Structure formats: structure tokens, C-alpha cells
N, C-alpha and C. Protein backbone atom coordinates (compact mmCIF):
# COMPACT_ATOMS: atom_id res chain seq x y z
N MET A 1 50.68 -116.66 -75.08
CA MET A 1 50.32 -116.67 -73.68
C MET A 1 50.44 -115.23 -73.17
N ALA A 2 49.31 -114.66 -72.73
CA ALA A 2 49.32 -113.29 -72.19
C ALA A 2 49.61 -113.36 -70.69
N LEU A 3 50.53 -112.54 -70.25
CA LEU A 3 50.86 -112.52 -68.82
C LEU A 3 50.16 -111.37 -68.12
N TRP A 4 49.85 -111.57 -66.88
CA TRP A 4 49.21 -110.58 -66.04
C TRP A 4 50.07 -110.45 -64.80
N ASN A 5 50.24 -109.24 -64.30
CA ASN A 5 50.95 -109.11 -63.03
C ASN A 5 50.21 -108.18 -62.09
N SER A 6 50.74 -107.97 -60.91
CA SER A 6 50.01 -107.30 -59.84
C SER A 6 49.87 -105.79 -60.02
N ARG A 7 50.37 -105.23 -61.10
CA ARG A 7 50.18 -103.79 -61.31
C ARG A 7 48.74 -103.45 -61.63
N GLY A 8 47.91 -104.44 -61.85
CA GLY A 8 46.49 -104.20 -62.08
C GLY A 8 46.13 -104.26 -63.55
N LEU A 9 44.86 -104.41 -63.80
CA LEU A 9 44.35 -104.50 -65.15
C LEU A 9 43.82 -103.14 -65.59
N ARG A 10 44.08 -102.80 -66.86
CA ARG A 10 43.55 -101.56 -67.40
C ARG A 10 42.04 -101.63 -67.39
N GLY A 11 41.39 -100.48 -67.17
CA GLY A 11 39.94 -100.44 -67.23
C GLY A 11 39.27 -100.88 -65.96
N SER A 12 40.02 -101.17 -64.90
CA SER A 12 39.40 -101.70 -63.69
C SER A 12 38.46 -100.69 -63.03
N GLN A 13 38.73 -99.39 -63.12
CA GLN A 13 37.82 -98.39 -62.57
C GLN A 13 36.52 -98.38 -63.36
N LEU A 14 36.61 -98.48 -64.67
CA LEU A 14 35.41 -98.57 -65.50
C LEU A 14 34.62 -99.81 -65.13
N GLU A 15 35.30 -100.94 -65.02
CA GLU A 15 34.60 -102.18 -64.68
C GLU A 15 33.96 -102.10 -63.30
N GLU A 16 34.63 -101.47 -62.35
CA GLU A 16 34.04 -101.32 -61.02
C GLU A 16 32.76 -100.48 -61.09
N SER A 17 32.77 -99.42 -61.88
CA SER A 17 31.57 -98.59 -62.05
C SER A 17 30.45 -99.39 -62.70
N ILE A 18 30.79 -100.19 -63.69
CA ILE A 18 29.78 -101.02 -64.34
C ILE A 18 29.26 -102.07 -63.37
N ASN A 19 30.14 -102.66 -62.57
CA ASN A 19 29.70 -103.66 -61.58
C ASN A 19 28.72 -103.05 -60.58
N LEU A 20 29.00 -101.83 -60.12
CA LEU A 20 28.09 -101.15 -59.19
C LEU A 20 26.75 -100.85 -59.88
N THR A 21 26.82 -100.44 -61.13
CA THR A 21 25.60 -100.19 -61.90
C THR A 21 24.79 -101.48 -62.03
N ASN A 22 25.46 -102.56 -62.38
CA ASN A 22 24.77 -103.84 -62.55
C ASN A 22 24.10 -104.29 -61.26
N GLU A 23 24.76 -104.03 -60.14
CA GLU A 23 24.16 -104.39 -58.84
C GLU A 23 22.89 -103.57 -58.60
N LYS A 24 22.92 -102.29 -58.92
CA LYS A 24 21.72 -101.45 -58.78
C LYS A 24 20.60 -101.95 -59.70
N TYR A 25 20.95 -102.32 -60.92
CA TYR A 25 19.94 -102.85 -61.84
C TYR A 25 19.35 -104.14 -61.30
N ARG A 26 20.20 -105.01 -60.72
CA ARG A 26 19.70 -106.27 -60.16
C ARG A 26 18.77 -106.00 -58.99
N GLU A 27 19.21 -105.12 -58.08
CA GLU A 27 18.39 -104.79 -56.91
C GLU A 27 17.04 -104.22 -57.31
N GLY A 28 17.02 -103.46 -58.40
CA GLY A 28 15.77 -102.87 -58.88
C GLY A 28 14.94 -103.79 -59.76
N GLY A 29 15.42 -105.02 -59.99
CA GLY A 29 14.70 -105.96 -60.82
C GLY A 29 14.70 -105.59 -62.30
N LEU A 30 15.63 -104.75 -62.71
CA LEU A 30 15.68 -104.28 -64.10
C LEU A 30 16.50 -105.17 -65.01
N ALA A 31 17.56 -105.77 -64.46
CA ALA A 31 18.46 -106.58 -65.27
C ALA A 31 19.27 -107.50 -64.38
N LEU A 32 19.78 -108.55 -64.98
CA LEU A 32 20.71 -109.45 -64.29
C LEU A 32 21.91 -109.62 -65.22
N ILE A 33 22.98 -108.89 -64.92
CA ILE A 33 24.19 -108.89 -65.73
C ILE A 33 25.35 -109.33 -64.85
N GLN A 34 26.12 -110.28 -65.34
CA GLN A 34 27.26 -110.80 -64.58
C GLN A 34 28.57 -110.52 -65.29
N LYS A 35 29.59 -110.21 -64.50
CA LYS A 35 30.95 -110.06 -65.01
C LYS A 35 31.48 -111.47 -65.25
N ILE A 36 32.06 -111.69 -66.42
CA ILE A 36 32.63 -112.99 -66.76
C ILE A 36 34.12 -112.96 -66.41
N PRO A 37 34.54 -113.76 -65.45
CA PRO A 37 35.96 -113.77 -65.10
C PRO A 37 36.79 -114.43 -66.20
N THR A 38 37.98 -113.90 -66.42
CA THR A 38 38.91 -114.49 -67.38
C THR A 38 39.70 -115.58 -66.66
N PRO A 39 39.65 -116.81 -67.15
CA PRO A 39 40.39 -117.88 -66.47
C PRO A 39 41.91 -117.64 -66.52
N ILE A 40 42.55 -117.77 -65.36
CA ILE A 40 44.00 -117.58 -65.29
C ILE A 40 44.65 -118.78 -64.59
N THR A 41 45.91 -118.96 -64.87
CA THR A 41 46.72 -119.96 -64.16
C THR A 41 47.82 -119.21 -63.42
N PRO A 42 47.84 -119.30 -62.09
CA PRO A 42 48.88 -118.60 -61.32
C PRO A 42 50.26 -119.18 -61.61
N ILE A 43 51.25 -118.30 -61.65
CA ILE A 43 52.65 -118.70 -61.81
C ILE A 43 53.42 -118.41 -60.53
N GLU A 44 53.18 -117.23 -59.97
CA GLU A 44 53.84 -116.85 -58.72
C GLU A 44 52.81 -116.36 -57.71
N MET A 45 53.05 -116.70 -56.46
CA MET A 45 52.14 -116.29 -55.38
C MET A 45 52.93 -115.57 -54.29
N ASP A 46 52.31 -114.57 -53.69
CA ASP A 46 52.83 -113.94 -52.49
C ASP A 46 52.24 -114.75 -51.34
N LYS A 47 53.00 -115.72 -50.85
CA LYS A 47 52.48 -116.66 -49.86
C LYS A 47 52.12 -115.98 -48.54
N ALA A 48 52.83 -114.92 -48.21
CA ALA A 48 52.55 -114.22 -46.96
C ALA A 48 51.15 -113.59 -46.97
N HIS A 49 50.73 -113.11 -48.14
CA HIS A 49 49.43 -112.42 -48.23
C HIS A 49 48.39 -113.21 -49.02
N GLY A 50 48.81 -114.32 -49.62
CA GLY A 50 47.88 -115.15 -50.37
C GLY A 50 47.41 -114.53 -51.68
N HIS A 51 48.24 -113.67 -52.27
CA HIS A 51 47.88 -113.00 -53.52
C HIS A 51 48.65 -113.60 -54.69
N ILE A 52 47.99 -113.61 -55.84
CA ILE A 52 48.66 -113.99 -57.08
C ILE A 52 49.46 -112.78 -57.55
N THR A 53 50.74 -112.95 -57.84
CA THR A 53 51.56 -111.84 -58.31
C THR A 53 51.93 -111.96 -59.78
N LEU A 54 51.84 -113.18 -60.34
CA LEU A 54 52.09 -113.38 -61.76
C LEU A 54 51.26 -114.57 -62.23
N ALA A 55 50.58 -114.37 -63.38
CA ALA A 55 49.72 -115.43 -63.90
C ALA A 55 49.63 -115.29 -65.42
N TYR A 56 49.11 -116.32 -66.08
CA TYR A 56 48.83 -116.18 -67.50
C TYR A 56 47.37 -116.54 -67.74
N PHE A 57 46.82 -115.95 -68.81
CA PHE A 57 45.44 -116.21 -69.18
C PHE A 57 45.37 -117.58 -69.84
N ASP A 58 44.45 -118.43 -69.37
CA ASP A 58 44.31 -119.79 -69.89
C ASP A 58 43.84 -119.80 -71.34
N LYS A 59 42.89 -118.95 -71.66
CA LYS A 59 42.34 -118.92 -73.02
C LYS A 59 41.80 -117.53 -73.29
N LYS A 60 41.48 -117.28 -74.54
CA LYS A 60 40.93 -115.99 -74.92
C LYS A 60 39.55 -115.85 -74.30
N SER A 61 39.29 -114.69 -73.73
CA SER A 61 37.97 -114.45 -73.18
C SER A 61 37.05 -113.99 -74.30
N THR A 62 35.77 -114.06 -74.07
CA THR A 62 34.81 -113.62 -75.08
C THR A 62 34.43 -112.17 -74.82
N VAL A 63 33.59 -111.94 -73.84
CA VAL A 63 33.16 -110.59 -73.49
C VAL A 63 33.28 -110.42 -71.98
N ASP A 64 33.20 -109.17 -71.53
CA ASP A 64 33.32 -108.89 -70.10
C ASP A 64 32.04 -109.21 -69.33
N TYR A 65 30.88 -108.99 -69.97
CA TYR A 65 29.60 -109.11 -69.27
C TYR A 65 28.59 -109.84 -70.12
N ILE A 66 27.71 -110.58 -69.43
CA ILE A 66 26.63 -111.29 -70.11
C ILE A 66 25.45 -111.40 -69.16
N GLY A 67 24.25 -111.38 -69.70
CA GLY A 67 23.07 -111.49 -68.86
C GLY A 67 21.79 -111.23 -69.63
N ALA A 68 20.79 -110.74 -68.89
CA ALA A 68 19.49 -110.47 -69.50
C ALA A 68 18.92 -109.17 -68.94
N VAL A 69 18.26 -108.44 -69.83
CA VAL A 69 17.58 -107.20 -69.46
C VAL A 69 16.11 -107.36 -69.86
N GLN A 70 15.25 -107.49 -68.87
CA GLN A 70 13.81 -107.66 -69.12
C GLN A 70 13.55 -108.75 -70.16
N GLY A 71 14.26 -109.87 -70.03
CA GLY A 71 14.06 -111.00 -70.91
C GLY A 71 14.88 -110.97 -72.19
N VAL A 72 15.63 -109.90 -72.43
CA VAL A 72 16.44 -109.79 -73.63
C VAL A 72 17.88 -110.18 -73.29
N PRO A 73 18.46 -111.19 -73.97
CA PRO A 73 19.85 -111.55 -73.70
C PRO A 73 20.80 -110.45 -74.19
N VAL A 74 21.77 -110.09 -73.36
CA VAL A 74 22.74 -109.07 -73.73
C VAL A 74 24.15 -109.54 -73.37
N CYS A 75 25.11 -109.09 -74.17
CA CYS A 75 26.51 -109.28 -73.83
C CYS A 75 27.24 -108.03 -74.26
N PHE A 76 28.27 -107.66 -73.49
CA PHE A 76 29.05 -106.49 -73.88
C PHE A 76 30.44 -106.55 -73.30
N ASP A 77 31.29 -105.73 -73.88
CA ASP A 77 32.66 -105.60 -73.43
C ASP A 77 32.87 -104.14 -73.05
N ALA A 78 33.67 -103.89 -72.03
CA ALA A 78 33.96 -102.53 -71.57
C ALA A 78 35.38 -102.15 -71.98
N LYS A 79 35.52 -100.96 -72.53
CA LYS A 79 36.82 -100.46 -72.98
C LYS A 79 37.00 -99.02 -72.53
N GLU A 80 38.24 -98.64 -72.24
CA GLU A 80 38.57 -97.25 -71.94
C GLU A 80 39.46 -96.72 -73.03
N CYS A 81 39.34 -95.41 -73.27
CA CYS A 81 40.14 -94.75 -74.28
C CYS A 81 40.57 -93.40 -73.73
N ALA A 82 41.87 -93.13 -73.72
CA ALA A 82 42.39 -91.88 -73.14
C ALA A 82 42.18 -90.69 -74.07
N THR A 83 42.08 -90.94 -75.37
CA THR A 83 41.96 -89.85 -76.35
C THR A 83 40.59 -89.92 -77.03
N GLU A 84 40.41 -89.14 -78.07
CA GLU A 84 39.16 -89.16 -78.83
C GLU A 84 39.25 -90.08 -80.04
N THR A 85 40.31 -90.88 -80.10
CA THR A 85 40.47 -91.88 -81.16
C THR A 85 40.60 -93.25 -80.51
N PHE A 86 39.76 -94.18 -80.95
CA PHE A 86 39.75 -95.54 -80.40
C PHE A 86 40.43 -96.48 -81.39
N ALA A 87 41.49 -97.15 -80.95
CA ALA A 87 42.22 -98.09 -81.79
C ALA A 87 41.51 -99.44 -81.81
N LEU A 88 41.25 -99.94 -83.00
CA LEU A 88 40.56 -101.22 -83.15
C LEU A 88 41.38 -102.40 -82.65
N GLN A 89 42.68 -102.21 -82.43
CA GLN A 89 43.49 -103.30 -81.87
C GLN A 89 43.02 -103.66 -80.46
N ASN A 90 42.20 -102.80 -79.83
CA ASN A 90 41.64 -103.09 -78.51
C ASN A 90 40.46 -104.06 -78.58
N VAL A 91 40.00 -104.35 -79.78
CA VAL A 91 38.92 -105.30 -80.00
C VAL A 91 39.52 -106.50 -80.72
N HIS A 92 39.19 -107.68 -80.27
CA HIS A 92 39.79 -108.89 -80.83
C HIS A 92 38.80 -109.66 -81.70
N GLU A 93 39.34 -110.29 -82.71
CA GLU A 93 38.52 -111.04 -83.67
C GLU A 93 37.60 -112.04 -82.96
N HIS A 94 38.13 -112.77 -81.97
CA HIS A 94 37.30 -113.77 -81.29
C HIS A 94 36.14 -113.12 -80.54
N GLN A 95 36.31 -111.87 -80.07
CA GLN A 95 35.21 -111.16 -79.41
C GLN A 95 34.12 -110.83 -80.43
N VAL A 96 34.54 -110.31 -81.58
CA VAL A 96 33.58 -109.94 -82.62
C VAL A 96 32.83 -111.19 -83.10
N GLU A 97 33.54 -112.29 -83.27
CA GLU A 97 32.89 -113.54 -83.69
C GLU A 97 31.86 -113.99 -82.66
N PHE A 98 32.23 -113.93 -81.38
CA PHE A 98 31.28 -114.31 -80.33
C PHE A 98 30.05 -113.41 -80.37
N MET A 99 30.26 -112.11 -80.52
CA MET A 99 29.15 -111.16 -80.54
C MET A 99 28.25 -111.39 -81.77
N ARG A 100 28.84 -111.69 -82.89
CA ARG A 100 28.04 -112.00 -84.09
C ARG A 100 27.16 -113.22 -83.82
N ASP A 101 27.76 -114.27 -83.27
CA ASP A 101 27.00 -115.47 -82.95
C ASP A 101 25.91 -115.19 -81.92
N PHE A 102 26.22 -114.34 -80.95
CA PHE A 102 25.25 -113.98 -79.90
C PHE A 102 24.04 -113.29 -80.53
N GLU A 103 24.30 -112.36 -81.45
CA GLU A 103 23.19 -111.65 -82.10
C GLU A 103 22.39 -112.58 -83.03
N LYS A 104 23.03 -113.59 -83.60
CA LYS A 104 22.30 -114.56 -84.42
C LYS A 104 21.28 -115.32 -83.57
N GLN A 105 21.52 -115.37 -82.26
CA GLN A 105 20.60 -116.03 -81.33
C GLN A 105 19.61 -115.02 -80.73
N ASP A 106 19.43 -113.88 -81.41
CA ASP A 106 18.50 -112.81 -81.01
C ASP A 106 18.92 -112.08 -79.74
N GLY A 107 20.21 -112.09 -79.45
CA GLY A 107 20.72 -111.29 -78.34
C GLY A 107 21.17 -109.92 -78.83
N ILE A 108 21.53 -109.07 -77.90
CA ILE A 108 22.05 -107.73 -78.19
C ILE A 108 23.51 -107.72 -77.73
N ALA A 109 24.42 -107.36 -78.64
CA ALA A 109 25.85 -107.31 -78.33
C ALA A 109 26.36 -105.89 -78.59
N PHE A 110 27.17 -105.38 -77.66
CA PHE A 110 27.68 -104.02 -77.81
C PHE A 110 28.94 -103.84 -76.98
N PHE A 111 29.57 -102.67 -77.17
CA PHE A 111 30.72 -102.26 -76.37
C PHE A 111 30.34 -101.00 -75.62
N LEU A 112 30.75 -100.90 -74.37
CA LEU A 112 30.67 -99.64 -73.63
C LEU A 112 32.08 -99.07 -73.61
N ILE A 113 32.25 -97.91 -74.23
CA ILE A 113 33.57 -97.28 -74.30
C ILE A 113 33.53 -96.00 -73.48
N TYR A 114 34.48 -95.87 -72.59
CA TYR A 114 34.61 -94.64 -71.81
C TYR A 114 35.74 -93.81 -72.42
N PHE A 115 35.38 -92.64 -72.94
CA PHE A 115 36.36 -91.71 -73.50
C PHE A 115 36.76 -90.76 -72.37
N LYS A 116 37.92 -91.03 -71.77
CA LYS A 116 38.39 -90.26 -70.61
C LYS A 116 38.51 -88.77 -70.91
N SER A 117 39.04 -88.43 -72.08
CA SER A 117 39.28 -87.01 -72.40
C SER A 117 37.97 -86.22 -72.48
N LEU A 118 36.86 -86.89 -72.77
CA LEU A 118 35.55 -86.24 -72.84
C LEU A 118 34.73 -86.46 -71.57
N ASP A 119 35.17 -87.40 -70.74
CA ASP A 119 34.40 -87.84 -69.58
C ASP A 119 32.99 -88.27 -70.00
N LYS A 120 32.94 -89.03 -71.12
CA LYS A 120 31.67 -89.52 -71.63
C LYS A 120 31.81 -90.98 -72.01
N TYR A 121 30.66 -91.63 -71.99
CA TYR A 121 30.57 -93.03 -72.40
C TYR A 121 29.95 -93.10 -73.79
N TYR A 122 30.25 -94.18 -74.48
CA TYR A 122 29.63 -94.42 -75.77
C TYR A 122 29.16 -95.86 -75.84
N TYR A 123 27.92 -96.03 -76.28
CA TYR A 123 27.33 -97.35 -76.50
C TYR A 123 27.57 -97.68 -77.97
N LEU A 124 28.55 -98.54 -78.23
CA LEU A 124 28.92 -98.90 -79.60
C LEU A 124 28.21 -100.18 -79.98
N ARG A 125 27.20 -100.05 -80.84
CA ARG A 125 26.47 -101.22 -81.33
C ARG A 125 27.39 -102.07 -82.19
N LEU A 126 27.16 -103.36 -82.19
CA LEU A 126 27.97 -104.26 -83.00
C LEU A 126 27.92 -103.87 -84.47
N CYS A 127 26.74 -103.50 -84.97
CA CYS A 127 26.62 -103.14 -86.39
C CYS A 127 27.47 -101.90 -86.71
N GLU A 128 27.63 -100.99 -85.77
CA GLU A 128 28.47 -99.81 -85.98
C GLU A 128 29.95 -100.20 -85.97
N LEU A 129 30.32 -101.07 -85.04
CA LEU A 129 31.70 -101.56 -85.01
C LEU A 129 32.04 -102.25 -86.33
N GLU A 130 31.10 -103.02 -86.87
CA GLU A 130 31.34 -103.77 -88.11
C GLU A 130 31.76 -102.85 -89.25
N VAL A 131 31.24 -101.63 -89.30
CA VAL A 131 31.61 -100.68 -90.36
C VAL A 131 33.10 -100.33 -90.23
N PHE A 132 33.54 -100.01 -89.01
CA PHE A 132 34.94 -99.67 -88.78
C PHE A 132 35.84 -100.89 -88.98
N TRP A 133 35.36 -102.04 -88.55
CA TRP A 133 36.10 -103.29 -88.67
C TRP A 133 36.36 -103.61 -90.15
N GLU A 134 35.30 -103.47 -90.96
CA GLU A 134 35.41 -103.74 -92.40
C GLU A 134 36.38 -102.75 -93.05
N ARG A 135 36.28 -101.48 -92.68
CA ARG A 135 37.19 -100.47 -93.22
C ARG A 135 38.65 -100.84 -92.94
N ALA A 136 38.92 -101.26 -91.71
CA ALA A 136 40.28 -101.65 -91.33
C ALA A 136 40.73 -102.89 -92.11
N ASN A 137 39.84 -103.86 -92.25
CA ASN A 137 40.18 -105.09 -92.98
C ASN A 137 40.43 -104.85 -94.47
N LEU A 138 39.88 -103.76 -95.00
CA LEU A 138 40.09 -103.40 -96.41
C LEU A 138 41.29 -102.48 -96.59
N GLY A 139 42.08 -102.31 -95.53
CA GLY A 139 43.29 -101.50 -95.62
C GLY A 139 43.12 -100.06 -95.18
N GLY A 140 41.94 -99.70 -94.68
CA GLY A 140 41.70 -98.34 -94.21
C GLY A 140 42.18 -98.13 -92.78
N ARG A 141 41.74 -97.03 -92.20
CA ARG A 141 42.16 -96.69 -90.83
C ARG A 141 41.83 -97.81 -89.86
N LYS A 142 42.73 -98.03 -88.93
CA LYS A 142 42.57 -99.09 -87.93
C LYS A 142 42.10 -98.50 -86.60
N SER A 143 41.35 -97.41 -86.71
CA SER A 143 40.80 -96.73 -85.54
C SER A 143 39.57 -95.94 -85.99
N PHE A 144 38.85 -95.40 -85.02
CA PHE A 144 37.78 -94.46 -85.36
C PHE A 144 37.82 -93.31 -84.37
N ARG A 145 37.34 -92.18 -84.81
CA ARG A 145 37.31 -90.96 -83.99
C ARG A 145 35.91 -90.75 -83.44
N THR A 146 35.82 -90.01 -82.36
CA THR A 146 34.50 -89.75 -81.77
C THR A 146 33.60 -88.99 -82.72
N ASP A 147 34.17 -88.17 -83.60
CA ASP A 147 33.31 -87.41 -84.53
C ASP A 147 32.72 -88.30 -85.63
N GLU A 148 33.14 -89.56 -85.71
CA GLU A 148 32.56 -90.51 -86.66
C GLU A 148 31.38 -91.28 -86.04
N LEU A 149 31.16 -91.09 -84.76
CA LEU A 149 30.16 -91.88 -84.04
C LEU A 149 28.80 -91.18 -84.03
N ASN A 150 27.75 -91.96 -83.84
CA ASN A 150 26.38 -91.46 -83.76
C ASN A 150 26.20 -90.76 -82.41
N GLY A 151 26.01 -89.45 -82.46
CA GLY A 151 25.90 -88.65 -81.25
C GLY A 151 24.78 -89.07 -80.31
N GLU A 152 23.79 -89.79 -80.82
CA GLU A 152 22.66 -90.22 -79.98
C GLU A 152 23.04 -91.34 -79.02
N TYR A 153 24.23 -91.93 -79.21
CA TYR A 153 24.65 -93.04 -78.35
C TYR A 153 25.72 -92.65 -77.34
N PHE A 154 26.03 -91.36 -77.24
CA PHE A 154 26.90 -90.87 -76.17
C PHE A 154 26.05 -90.66 -74.93
N PHE A 155 26.62 -90.92 -73.76
CA PHE A 155 25.91 -90.65 -72.51
C PHE A 155 26.92 -90.37 -71.41
N GLU A 156 26.42 -89.84 -70.32
CA GLU A 156 27.29 -89.49 -69.20
C GLU A 156 26.98 -90.37 -68.00
N GLY A 157 27.99 -90.53 -67.15
CA GLY A 157 27.80 -91.25 -65.90
C GLY A 157 26.97 -90.41 -64.94
N LYS A 158 26.47 -91.06 -63.92
CA LYS A 158 25.67 -90.36 -62.91
C LYS A 158 26.19 -90.70 -61.53
N ASN A 159 26.17 -89.73 -60.65
CA ASN A 159 26.57 -89.92 -59.25
C ASN A 159 28.00 -90.41 -59.10
N GLY A 160 28.84 -90.16 -60.10
CA GLY A 160 30.25 -90.50 -59.99
C GLY A 160 30.60 -91.96 -60.21
N PHE A 161 29.60 -92.85 -60.25
CA PHE A 161 29.92 -94.26 -60.43
C PHE A 161 28.90 -94.99 -61.29
N PHE A 162 27.74 -94.44 -61.46
CA PHE A 162 26.66 -95.12 -62.16
C PHE A 162 26.82 -94.95 -63.66
N VAL A 163 26.79 -96.06 -64.41
CA VAL A 163 26.95 -96.06 -65.87
C VAL A 163 25.60 -96.49 -66.47
N PRO A 164 24.69 -95.53 -66.65
CA PRO A 164 23.30 -95.87 -67.03
C PRO A 164 23.15 -96.25 -68.51
N TYR A 165 23.37 -97.51 -68.80
CA TYR A 165 23.36 -97.96 -70.19
C TYR A 165 22.04 -98.60 -70.63
N LEU A 166 21.10 -98.85 -69.71
CA LEU A 166 19.85 -99.53 -70.08
C LEU A 166 19.04 -98.75 -71.12
N GLU A 167 19.02 -97.43 -71.00
CA GLU A 167 18.27 -96.62 -71.97
C GLU A 167 18.84 -96.79 -73.38
N LEU A 168 20.15 -96.99 -73.47
CA LEU A 168 20.78 -97.17 -74.78
C LEU A 168 20.46 -98.53 -75.36
N ILE A 169 20.28 -99.54 -74.51
CA ILE A 169 19.85 -100.85 -75.01
C ILE A 169 18.47 -100.71 -75.64
N GLN A 170 17.58 -99.98 -74.99
CA GLN A 170 16.24 -99.77 -75.55
C GLN A 170 16.31 -99.03 -76.88
N LYS A 171 17.18 -98.00 -76.95
CA LYS A 171 17.35 -97.26 -78.20
C LYS A 171 17.89 -98.18 -79.29
N ASP A 172 18.85 -99.03 -78.93
CA ASP A 172 19.42 -100.00 -79.87
C ASP A 172 18.31 -100.90 -80.41
N ILE A 173 17.46 -101.41 -79.55
CA ILE A 173 16.35 -102.28 -79.97
C ILE A 173 15.42 -101.51 -80.90
N ASP A 174 15.09 -100.28 -80.51
CA ASP A 174 14.17 -99.46 -81.33
C ASP A 174 14.74 -99.12 -82.70
N ASP A 175 16.07 -98.96 -82.78
CA ASP A 175 16.73 -98.56 -84.02
C ASP A 175 17.01 -99.73 -84.97
N ARG A 176 16.79 -100.95 -84.52
CA ARG A 176 17.09 -102.12 -85.37
C ARG A 176 16.00 -102.30 -86.43
N PRO A 177 16.44 -102.69 -87.63
CA PRO A 177 15.42 -102.98 -88.68
C PRO A 177 14.61 -104.21 -88.29
N GLU A 178 13.37 -104.24 -88.69
CA GLU A 178 12.50 -105.37 -88.32
C GLU A 178 12.63 -106.52 -89.28
């Protein structure tokens, strides 16, 4: 049972930027992407303010976002990383399984990773994650460094809040074998 408390969730600034981006995409008719809430059960409440102060997660969540981009089903998870090394412990087996199943249904599954130290985003395709995942499962490193990643999938935010990932979805589609 994972507990949550009022100190806030990690990655909330990243998620807020993605939520604002998704709203712009929706308004422009480009995509319809929704944040998937993680079901929680409250344990303690601040009755004076009506806020949950302690809760537990009911079940494992799958991904943070799901929707469609110009008729293409997409799902993704958002992660933040303070350094230039991303620990695979931040990705859970049930997420990878869900993403594999999603892609079997002709969807696109990926991770958006914000590398704080570089102030850059990375669009991590599921097939790229699978390489690192397999390496870890075979006893190798349980992380990957930014210098191991495909430089064509790094991108920068715009206007301080916009996370323009649609172009990377198109690149992902174009780069897939037929």
C-alpha cells in the first residue's frame, strides 16, 4: 500500500505543463489527451478546509495520460529526472506491460522525461525503453544516461510551460518499421 500525503506529488510541475499543453492541443483540434487520475482512498481529512491530508493508492496506475492524436491512440507517462542518469526503478513492470498491450492494439506508447539538469525533455519510445529494461533484467545497469539516448528525440519546452511533444509522435510513427 503506497501512502500519499499533503507534501505534494513529485513531477507535479511537469504534469501541470503537460496539462496546459494538452489543453492547447485540444483547443486547436490537434489532439485529445486526458490525465488519468490515480484512484486513492482518503485516510485523514482536514475537515476545516476539506482537504485530504493522508491517503493510500487503491491500485497500481497504468499511465499518466491517454488519448488520441489525429486518430492515433496514444498513451504516455511523465517522469522527471534531476540528473543526467535515469533510474529504471522509476518505471514499473505493470506500466511496461500496459504499454506493450497498448502498442499491440496499434497505439503509440512512450515516456516524456524531463531532465532538469539539462532543462530538456526526452521522448522515450517504448522500444528504446525495452533495450534498457532488458539490459537491467539480464543483470546490467539499472539506469541509462542521456548520452545513451537518440539525440533526435530530445526537445525543449516553449513559452515556459508548453511541452511540444506532437512532432515527436510523428517522428516515432515515421521511424517505425512497416
